[in-house]
């Protein structure tokens, strides 16, 4: 039933899109047909696929690096309370700081290539995953852990049977938030560094007022966001069921 509602909402969006094109002018808001034709041209020229691959490569690289670093660090911070309480003030302070402020420094150190883009994405994605992992480990029932220790359970057994099932939904929620922020940072990185990828196409078509092509790029970014978010939401739902079964 939800699928029917989503299709209905998509149809409503298409109607509103057509109305907006008539209201504001097709040179500002292109029609769905004009956008579709622009997509066909970009695909035929190979520009869209090339930009898509470039953006997806740096996005997934930065995101994967953040996941690899953030989850173990979050587990350590939650497992060793002294370490967690020592670092959390700095983690939260960095989280409250706009990461875009670090971009000029990153460019100076790493240049304008892929390394700078990956690090910008990594920096934006790291903190939501780290904070949620830390919160998930901290939320584990201490009495349950003490009971397991009293029963002679090893640290490994406690981690796999108690800590991990309780923290997993928090971790995946952090990954979902990080995925969205990482996609935003991908575009920002491509705008600030060498103009390439989907962010580069946004700059080119936006500055030249080629709005049909501009909308194609925006839709591509939205598709990436939806696919990644829905995949992680599916993982999150399965983890919740697994948590209930443990």
C-alpha atoms as a PDB file:
ATOM      1  CA  UNK A   1       0.000   0.000   0.000  1.00  0.00           C
ATOM      2  CA  UNK A   2       2.886   2.334   0.786  1.00  0.00           C
ATOM      3  CA  UNK A   3       4.151   1.782  -2.754  1.00  0.00           C
ATOM      4  CA  UNK A   4       0.840   3.021  -4.149  1.00  0.00           C
ATOM      5  CA  UNK A   5       1.025   6.127  -1.973  1.00  0.00           C
ATOM      6  CA  UNK A   6       4.575   6.792  -3.140  1.00  0.00           C
ATOM      7  CA  UNK A   7       3.568   6.497  -6.797  1.00  0.00           C
ATOM      8  CA  UNK A   8       0.643   8.832  -6.137  1.00  0.00           C
ATOM      9  CA  UNK A   9       2.916  11.353  -4.455  1.00  0.00           C
ATOM     10  CA  UNK A  10       5.367  11.125  -7.367  1.00  0.00           C
ATOM     11  CA  UNK A  11       2.505  11.842  -9.780  1.00  0.00           C
ATOM     12  CA  UNK A  12       1.552  14.867  -7.666  1.00  0.00           C
ATOM     13  CA  UNK A  13       5.148  16.103  -7.791  1.00  0.00           C
ATOM     14  CA  UNK A  14       5.138  15.789 -11.587  1.00  0.00           C
ATOM     15  CA  UNK A  15       1.960  17.855 -11.790  1.00  0.00           C
ATOM     16  CA  UNK A  16       3.447  20.509  -9.500  1.00  0.00           C
ATOM     17  CA  UNK A  17       6.609  20.452 -11.609  1.00  0.00           C
ATOM     18  CA  UNK A  18       4.618  21.194 -14.784  1.00  0.00           C
ATOM     19  CA  UNK A  19       2.705  23.965 -13.000  1.00  0.00           C
ATOM     20  CA  UNK A  20       5.964  25.487 -11.730  1.00  0.00           C
ATOM     21  CA  UNK A  21       7.423  25.401 -15.252  1.00  0.00           C
ATOM     22  CA  UNK A  22       4.414  27.319 -16.584  1.00  0.00           C
ATOM     23  CA  UNK A  23       4.399  29.717 -13.635  1.00  0.00           C
ATOM     24  CA  UNK A  24       8.089  30.654 -13.490  1.00  0.00           C
ATOM     25  CA  UNK A  25       9.040  30.150 -17.124  1.00  0.00           C
ATOM     26  CA  UNK A  26      10.619  27.151 -18.788  1.00  0.00           C
ATOM     27  CA  UNK A  27      13.995  28.868 -18.981  1.00  0.00           C
ATOM     28  CA  UNK A  28      14.074  28.750 -15.153  1.00  0.00           C
ATOM     29  CA  UNK A  29      12.093  25.578 -14.386  1.00  0.00           C
ATOM     30  CA  UNK A  30      12.256  23.167 -17.338  1.00  0.00           C
ATOM     31  CA  UNK A  31       9.378  20.783 -17.979  1.00  0.00           C
ATOM     32  CA  UNK A  32       9.744  17.071 -17.178  1.00  0.00           C
ATOM     33  CA  UNK A  33       9.868  16.374 -20.927  1.00  0.00           C
ATOM     34  CA  UNK A  34      12.683  18.887 -21.477  1.00  0.00           C
ATOM     35  CA  UNK A  35      14.572  17.387 -18.543  1.00  0.00           C
ATOM     36  CA  UNK A  36      14.123  13.882 -19.945  1.00  0.00           C
ATOM     37  CA  UNK A  37      15.412  15.005 -23.352  1.00  0.00           C
ATOM     38  CA  UNK A  38      18.413  16.668 -21.666  1.00  0.00           C
ATOM     39  CA  UNK A  39      19.129  13.418 -19.826  1.00  0.00           C
ATOM     40  CA  UNK A  40      19.080  11.528 -23.120  1.00  0.00           C
ATOM     41  CA  UNK A  41      21.581  13.991 -24.610  1.00  0.00           C
ATOM     42  CA  UNK A  42      23.917  13.789 -21.621  1.00  0.00           C
ATOM     43  CA  UNK A  43      23.800   9.992 -21.662  1.00  0.00           C
ATOM     44  CA  UNK A  44      24.422   9.877 -25.421  1.00  0.00           C
ATOM     45  CA  UNK A  45      27.433  12.188 -24.984  1.00  0.00           C
ATOM     46  CA  UNK A  46      28.728  10.100 -22.075  1.00  0.00           C
ATOM     47  CA  UNK A  47      29.008  13.110 -19.764  1.00  0.00           C
ATOM     48  CA  UNK A  48      26.472  11.933 -17.224  1.00  0.00           C
ATOM     49  CA  UNK A  49      27.965   8.465 -16.829  1.00  0.00           C
ATOM     50  CA  UNK A  50      31.485   9.862 -16.482  1.00  0.00           C
ATOM     51  CA  UNK A  51      30.453  12.423 -13.864  1.00  0.00           C
ATOM     52  CA  UNK A  52      28.322   9.842 -12.058  1.00  0.00           C
ATOM     53  CA  UNK A  53      31.243   7.405 -11.800  1.00  0.00           C
ATOM     54  CA  UNK A  54      33.618  10.129 -10.609  1.00  0.00           C
ATOM     55  CA  UNK A  55      31.237  11.322  -7.888  1.00  0.00           C
ATOM     56  CA  UNK A  56      30.270   7.819  -6.794  1.00  0.00           C
ATOM     57  CA  UNK A  57      33.931   6.787  -6.500  1.00  0.00           C
ATOM     58  CA  UNK A  58      34.955   9.640  -4.197  1.00  0.00           C
ATOM     59  CA  UNK A  59      31.667   9.432  -2.271  1.00  0.00           C
ATOM     60  CA  UNK A  60      31.948   5.718  -1.522  1.00  0.00           C
ATOM     61  CA  UNK A  61      35.680   6.022  -0.766  1.00  0.00           C
ATOM     62  CA  UNK A  62      35.162   8.783   1.794  1.00  0.00           C
ATOM     63  CA  UNK A  63      32.109   7.068   3.254  1.00  0.00           C
ATOM     64  CA  UNK A  64      33.799   3.664   3.579  1.00  0.00           C
ATOM     65  CA  UNK A  65      36.851   5.239   5.212  1.00  0.00           C
ATOM     66  CA  UNK A  66      34.606   7.019   7.725  1.00  0.00           C
ATOM     67  CA  UNK A  67      32.743   3.797   8.577  1.00  0.00           C
ATOM     68  CA  UNK A  68      36.017   1.903   9.073  1.00  0.00           C
ATOM     69  CA  UNK A  69      37.376   4.581  11.431  1.00  0.00           C
ATOM     70  CA  UNK A  70      34.217   5.745  13.234  1.00  0.00           C
ATOM     71  CA  UNK A  71      32.723   2.439  14.383  1.00  0.00           C
ATOM     72  CA  UNK A  72      35.821   1.064  16.190  1.00  0.00           C
ATOM     73  CA  UNK A  73      36.524   4.469  17.750  1.00  0.00           C
ATOM     74  CA  UNK A  74      32.911   4.791  18.896  1.00  0.00           C
ATOM     75  CA  UNK A  75      33.037   1.305  20.427  1.00  0.00           C
ATOM     76  CA  UNK A  76      36.284   2.163  22.236  1.00  0.00           C
ATOM     77  CA  UNK A  77      34.853   5.426  23.557  1.00  0.00           C
ATOM     78  CA  UNK A  78      31.740   3.670  24.801  1.00  0.00           C
ATOM     79  CA  UNK A  79      33.588   0.658  26.208  1.00  0.00           C
ATOM     80  CA  UNK A  80      36.225   2.673  28.047  1.00  0.00           C
ATOM     81  CA  UNK A  81      34.288   5.383  29.844  1.00  0.00           C
ATOM     82  CA  UNK A  82      37.356   7.452  30.773  1.00  0.00           C
ATOM     83  CA  UNK A  83      38.381   7.617  27.108  1.00  0.00           C
ATOM     84  CA  UNK A  84      34.811   8.448  26.081  1.00  0.00           C
ATOM     85  CA  UNK A  85      34.395  11.239  28.610  1.00  0.00           C
ATOM     86  CA  UNK A  86      37.808  12.630  27.661  1.00  0.00           C
ATOM     87  CA  UNK A  87      37.138  12.725  23.921  1.00  0.00           C
ATOM     88  CA  UNK A  88      33.411  13.455  23.764  1.00  0.00           C
ATOM     89  CA  UNK A  89      33.746  17.196  24.391  1.00  0.00           C
ATOM     90  CA  UNK A  90      36.115  17.478  21.412  1.00  0.00           C
ATOM     91  CA  UNK A  91      33.953  15.241  19.237  1.00  0.00           C
ATOM     92  CA  UNK A  92      30.827  17.291  19.967  1.00  0.00           C
ATOM     93  CA  UNK A  93      32.722  20.552  19.445  1.00  0.00           C
ATOM     94  CA  UNK A  94      33.961  19.353  16.055  1.00  0.00           C
ATOM     95  CA  UNK A  95      30.453  18.154  15.209  1.00  0.00           C
ATOM     96  CA  UNK A  96      29.077  21.639  15.902  1.00  0.00           C
ATOM     97  CA  UNK A  97      31.699  23.251  13.659  1.00  0.00           C
ATOM     98  CA  UNK A  98      30.718  23.641   9.978  1.00  0.00           C
ATOM     99  CA  UNK A  99      33.057  21.312   8.119  1.00  0.00           C
ATOM    100  CA  UNK A 100      33.074  23.681   5.169  1.00  0.00           C
ATOM    101  CA  UNK A 101      35.335  25.913   7.285  1.00  0.00           C
ATOM    102  CA  UNK A 102      38.103  23.322   6.949  1.00  0.00           C
ATOM    103  CA  UNK A 103      37.956  23.093   3.151  1.00  0.00           C
ATOM    104  CA  UNK A 104      40.549  25.829   2.388  1.00  0.00           C
ATOM    105  CA  UNK A 105      42.996  24.166   4.806  1.00  0.00           C
ATOM    106  CA  UNK A 106      42.322  20.739   3.298  1.00  0.00           C
ATOM    107  CA  UNK A 107      42.964  22.100  -0.198  1.00  0.00           C
ATOM    108  CA  UNK A 108      46.244  23.697   0.925  1.00  0.00           C
ATOM    109  CA  UNK A 109      47.430  20.408   2.449  1.00  0.00           C
ATOM    110  CA  UNK A 110      46.017  17.854  -0.016  1.00  0.00           C
ATOM    111  CA  UNK A 111      45.638  19.917  -3.187  1.00  0.00           C
ATOM    112  CA  UNK A 112      42.702  19.859  -5.592  1.00  0.00           C
ATOM    113  CA  UNK A 113      42.666  16.182  -6.479  1.00  0.00           C
ATOM    114  CA  UNK A 114      40.696  13.169  -5.352  1.00  0.00           C
ATOM    115  CA  UNK A 115      42.453  12.965  -1.976  1.00  0.00           C
ATOM    116  CA  UNK A 116      41.030  16.324  -0.916  1.00  0.00           C
ATOM    117  CA  UNK A 117      37.520  15.357  -2.013  1.00  0.00           C
ATOM    118  CA  UNK A 118      37.659  12.034  -0.204  1.00  0.00           C
ATOM    119  CA  UNK A 119      38.887  13.694   2.992  1.00  0.00           C
ATOM    120  CA  UNK A 120      36.137  16.340   2.865  1.00  0.00           C
ATOM    121  CA  UNK A 121      33.543  13.567   2.548  1.00  0.00           C
ATOM    122  CA  UNK A 122      35.274  11.551   5.272  1.00  0.00           C
ATOM    123  CA  UNK A 123      35.260  14.514   7.664  1.00  0.00           C
ATOM    124  CA  UNK A 124      31.558  15.151   7.191  1.00  0.00           C
ATOM    125  CA  UNK A 125      30.560  11.493   7.412  1.00  0.00           C
ATOM    126  CA  UNK A 126      32.769  10.468  10.330  1.00  0.00           C
ATOM    127  CA  UNK A 127      31.074  12.329  13.169  1.00  0.00           C
ATOM    128  CA  UNK A 128      27.441  11.167  12.810  1.00  0.00           C
ATOM    129  CA  UNK A 129      28.607   7.549  12.721  1.00  0.00           C
ATOM    130  CA  UNK A 130      31.043   8.041  15.599  1.00  0.00           C
ATOM    131  CA  UNK A 131      28.534   9.836  17.835  1.00  0.00           C
ATOM    132  CA  UNK A 132      25.759   7.323  17.182  1.00  0.00           C
ATOM    133  CA  UNK A 133      28.073   4.354  17.763  1.00  0.00           C
ATOM    134  CA  UNK A 134      29.268   5.901  21.012  1.00  0.00           C
ATOM    135  CA  UNK A 135      25.681   6.594  22.088  1.00  0.00           C
ATOM    136  CA  UNK A 136      24.649   3.040  21.220  1.00  0.00           C
ATOM    137  CA  UNK A 137      27.391   1.483  23.339  1.00  0.00           C
ATOM    138  CA  UNK A 138      26.658   3.888  26.202  1.00  0.00           C
ATOM    139  CA  UNK A 139      22.964   2.933  26.063  1.00  0.00           C
ATOM    140  CA  UNK A 140      23.678  -0.723  26.849  1.00  0.00           C
ATOM    141  CA  UNK A 141      22.128  -1.801  30.157  1.00  0.00           C
ATOM    142  CA  UNK A 142      24.973  -1.964  32.699  1.00  0.00           C
ATOM    143  CA  UNK A 143      23.020  -4.310  34.952  1.00  0.00           C
ATOM    144  CA  UNK A 144      22.699  -6.772  32.079  1.00  0.00           C
ATOM    145  CA  UNK A 145      26.453  -6.602  31.465  1.00  0.00           C
ATOM    146  CA  UNK A 146      27.190  -7.155  35.169  1.00  0.00           C
ATOM    147  CA  UNK A 147      24.841 -10.132  35.269  1.00  0.00           C
ATOM    148  CA  UNK A 148      26.645 -11.650  32.278  1.00  0.00           C
ATOM    149  CA  UNK A 149      30.009 -11.105  33.963  1.00  0.00           C
ATOM    150  CA  UNK A 150      28.714 -12.705  37.162  1.00  0.00           C
ATOM    151  CA  UNK A 151      27.638 -15.722  35.117  1.00  0.00           C
ATOM    152  CA  UNK A 152      31.202 -16.059  33.835  1.00  0.00           C
ATOM    153  CA  UNK A 153      30.680 -14.682  30.324  1.00  0.00           C
ATOM    154  CA  UNK A 154      33.844 -13.556  28.554  1.00  0.00           C
ATOM    155  CA  UNK A 155      34.320 -10.029  27.232  1.00  0.00           C
ATOM    156  CA  UNK A 156      33.971 -11.352  23.700  1.00  0.00           C
ATOM    157  CA  UNK A 157      30.701 -13.079  24.588  1.00  0.00           C
ATOM    158  CA  UNK A 158      29.368  -9.942  26.280  1.00  0.00           C
ATOM    159  CA  UNK A 159      30.278  -7.825  23.266  1.00  0.00           C
ATOM    160  CA  UNK A 160      28.711 -10.178  20.716  1.00  0.00           C
ATOM    161  CA  UNK A 161      25.589 -11.047  22.718  1.00  0.00           C
ATOM    162  CA  UNK A 162      24.783  -7.801  24.544  1.00  0.00           C
ATOM    163  CA  UNK A 163      26.744  -4.766  23.364  1.00  0.00           C
ATOM    164  CA  UNK A 164      26.623  -5.373  19.609  1.00  0.00           C
ATOM    165  CA  UNK A 165      22.879  -6.176  19.332  1.00  0.00           C
ATOM    166  CA  UNK A 166      21.981  -3.124  21.428  1.00  0.00           C
ATOM    167  CA  UNK A 167      24.359  -0.742  19.662  1.00  0.00           C
ATOM    168  CA  UNK A 168      23.771  -1.957  16.078  1.00  0.00           C
ATOM    169  CA  UNK A 169      20.580   0.081  15.392  1.00  0.00           C
ATOM    170  CA  UNK A 170      22.351   3.223  16.628  1.00  0.00           C
ATOM    171  CA  UNK A 171      25.304   2.478  14.352  1.00  0.00           C
ATOM    172  CA  UNK A 172      23.138   2.017  11.259  1.00  0.00           C
ATOM    173  CA  UNK A 173      21.207   5.202  12.061  1.00  0.00           C
ATOM    174  CA  UNK A 174      24.538   7.018  12.202  1.00  0.00           C
ATOM    175  CA  UNK A 175      25.542   5.446   8.900  1.00  0.00           C
ATOM    176  CA  UNK A 176      22.276   6.629   7.352  1.00  0.00           C
ATOM    177  CA  UNK A 177      22.811  10.189   8.605  1.00  0.00           C
ATOM    178  CA  UNK A 178      26.430  10.063   7.502  1.00  0.00           C
ATOM    179  CA  UNK A 179      25.429   8.879   4.028  1.00  0.00           C
ATOM    180  CA  UNK A 180      23.205  11.929   3.545  1.00  0.00           C
ATOM    181  CA  UNK A 181      25.851  14.342   4.835  1.00  0.00           C
ATOM    182  CA  UNK A 182      28.498  12.594   2.749  1.00  0.00           C
ATOM    183  CA  UNK A 183      26.469  13.134  -0.421  1.00  0.00           C
ATOM    184  CA  UNK A 184      26.145  16.839   0.370  1.00  0.00           C
ATOM    185  CA  UNK A 185      29.874  17.037   1.031  1.00  0.00           C
ATOM    186  CA  UNK A 186      30.555  15.290  -2.279  1.00  0.00           C
ATOM    187  CA  UNK A 187      28.892  18.129  -4.163  1.00  0.00           C
ATOM    188  CA  UNK A 188      30.584  20.757  -1.980  1.00  0.00           C
ATOM    189  CA  UNK A 189      33.977  19.114  -2.476  1.00  0.00           C
ATOM    190  CA  UNK A 190      33.539  19.014  -6.250  1.00  0.00           C
ATOM    191  CA  UNK A 191      32.525  22.667  -6.288  1.00  0.00           C
ATOM    192  CA  UNK A 192      35.466  23.830  -4.151  1.00  0.00           C
ATOM    193  CA  UNK A 193      38.161  21.623  -5.662  1.00  0.00           C
ATOM    194  CA  UNK A 194      38.707  20.776  -9.320  1.00  0.00           C
ATOM    195  CA  UNK A 195      35.330  21.135 -11.006  1.00  0.00           C
ATOM    196  CA  UNK A 196      34.456  17.548 -11.847  1.00  0.00           C
ATOM    197  CA  UNK A 197      31.821  14.913 -11.178  1.00  0.00           C
ATOM    198  CA  UNK A 198      28.167  15.742 -10.655  1.00  0.00           C
ATOM    199  CA  UNK A 199      29.056  18.768  -8.543  1.00  0.00           C
ATOM    200  CA  UNK A 200      31.152  20.087 -11.409  1.00  0.00           C
ATOM    201  CA  UNK A 201      28.261  19.638 -13.831  1.00  0.00           C
ATOM    202  CA  UNK A 202      26.006  21.523 -11.397  1.00  0.00           C
ATOM    203  CA  UNK A 203      28.416  24.451 -11.476  1.00  0.00           C
ATOM    204  CA  UNK A 204      28.783  24.402 -15.260  1.00  0.00           C
ATOM    205  CA  UNK A 205      25.079  24.132 -16.073  1.00  0.00           C
ATOM    206  CA  UNK A 206      23.996  26.458 -13.274  1.00  0.00           C
ATOM    207  CA  UNK A 207      26.400  29.207 -14.339  1.00  0.00           C
ATOM    208  CA  UNK A 208      25.351  28.877 -17.986  1.00  0.00           C
ATOM    209  CA  UNK A 209      21.611  28.691 -17.120  1.00  0.00           C
ATOM    210  CA  UNK A 210      21.195  25.325 -18.834  1.00  0.00           C
ATOM    211  CA  UNK A 211      18.467  24.425 -16.387  1.00  0.00           C
ATOM    212  CA  UNK A 212      17.254  21.221 -18.051  1.00  0.00           C
ATOM    213  CA  UNK A 213      20.723  19.705 -17.712  1.00  0.00           C
ATOM    214  CA  UNK A 214      20.978  21.172 -14.208  1.00  0.00           C
ATOM    215  CA  UNK A 215      17.785  19.379 -13.173  1.00  0.00           C
ATOM    216  CA  UNK A 216      19.118  16.102 -14.592  1.00  0.00           C
ATOM    217  CA  UNK A 217      22.149  16.327 -12.299  1.00  0.00           C
ATOM    218  CA  UNK A 218      19.978  17.190  -9.285  1.00  0.00           C
ATOM    219  CA  UNK A 219      17.785  14.157  -9.988  1.00  0.00           C
ATOM    220  CA  UNK A 220      20.868  11.918 -10.259  1.00  0.00           C
ATOM    221  CA  UNK A 221      22.050  13.115  -6.847  1.00  0.00           C
ATOM    222  CA  UNK A 222      18.589  12.480  -5.422  1.00  0.00           C
ATOM    223  CA  UNK A 223      18.606   8.940  -6.847  1.00  0.00           C
ATOM    224  CA  UNK A 224      21.974   8.202  -5.212  1.00  0.00           C
ATOM    225  CA  UNK A 225      20.661   9.517  -1.901  1.00  0.00           C
ATOM    226  CA  UNK A 226      17.467   7.474  -2.083  1.00  0.00           C
ATOM    227  CA  UNK A 227      19.251   4.232  -3.025  1.00  0.00           C
ATOM    228  CA  UNK A 228      21.868   4.520  -0.262  1.00  0.00           C
ATOM    229  CA  UNK A 229      19.357   5.622   2.381  1.00  0.00           C
ATOM    230  CA  UNK A 230      16.845   2.892   1.542  1.00  0.00           C
ATOM    231  CA  UNK A 231      19.572   0.236   1.547  1.00  0.00           C
ATOM    232  CA  UNK A 232      20.692   1.325   5.013  1.00  0.00           C
ATOM    233  CA  UNK A 233      17.088   1.547   6.197  1.00  0.00           C
ATOM    234  CA  UNK A 234      16.613  -2.072   5.099  1.00  0.00           C
ATOM    235  CA  UNK A 235      19.755  -3.076   7.001  1.00  0.00           C
ATOM    236  CA  UNK A 236      18.501  -1.175  10.048  1.00  0.00           C
ATOM    237  CA  UNK A 237      15.154  -2.990   9.976  1.00  0.00           C
ATOM    238  CA  UNK A 238      16.873  -6.374   9.773  1.00  0.00           C
ATOM    239  CA  UNK A 239      19.158  -5.469  12.667  1.00  0.00           C
ATOM    240  CA  UNK A 240      16.174  -4.499  14.794  1.00  0.00           C
ATOM    241  CA  UNK A 241      14.638  -7.929  14.122  1.00  0.00           C
ATOM    242  CA  UNK A 242      17.976  -9.597  14.889  1.00  0.00           C
ATOM    243  CA  UNK A 243      18.245  -7.609  18.116  1.00  0.00           C
ATOM    244  CA  UNK A 244      14.816  -8.819  19.165  1.00  0.00           C
ATOM    245  CA  UNK A 245      15.812 -12.419  18.471  1.00  0.00           C
ATOM    246  CA  UNK A 246      18.991 -12.289  20.584  1.00  0.00           C
END
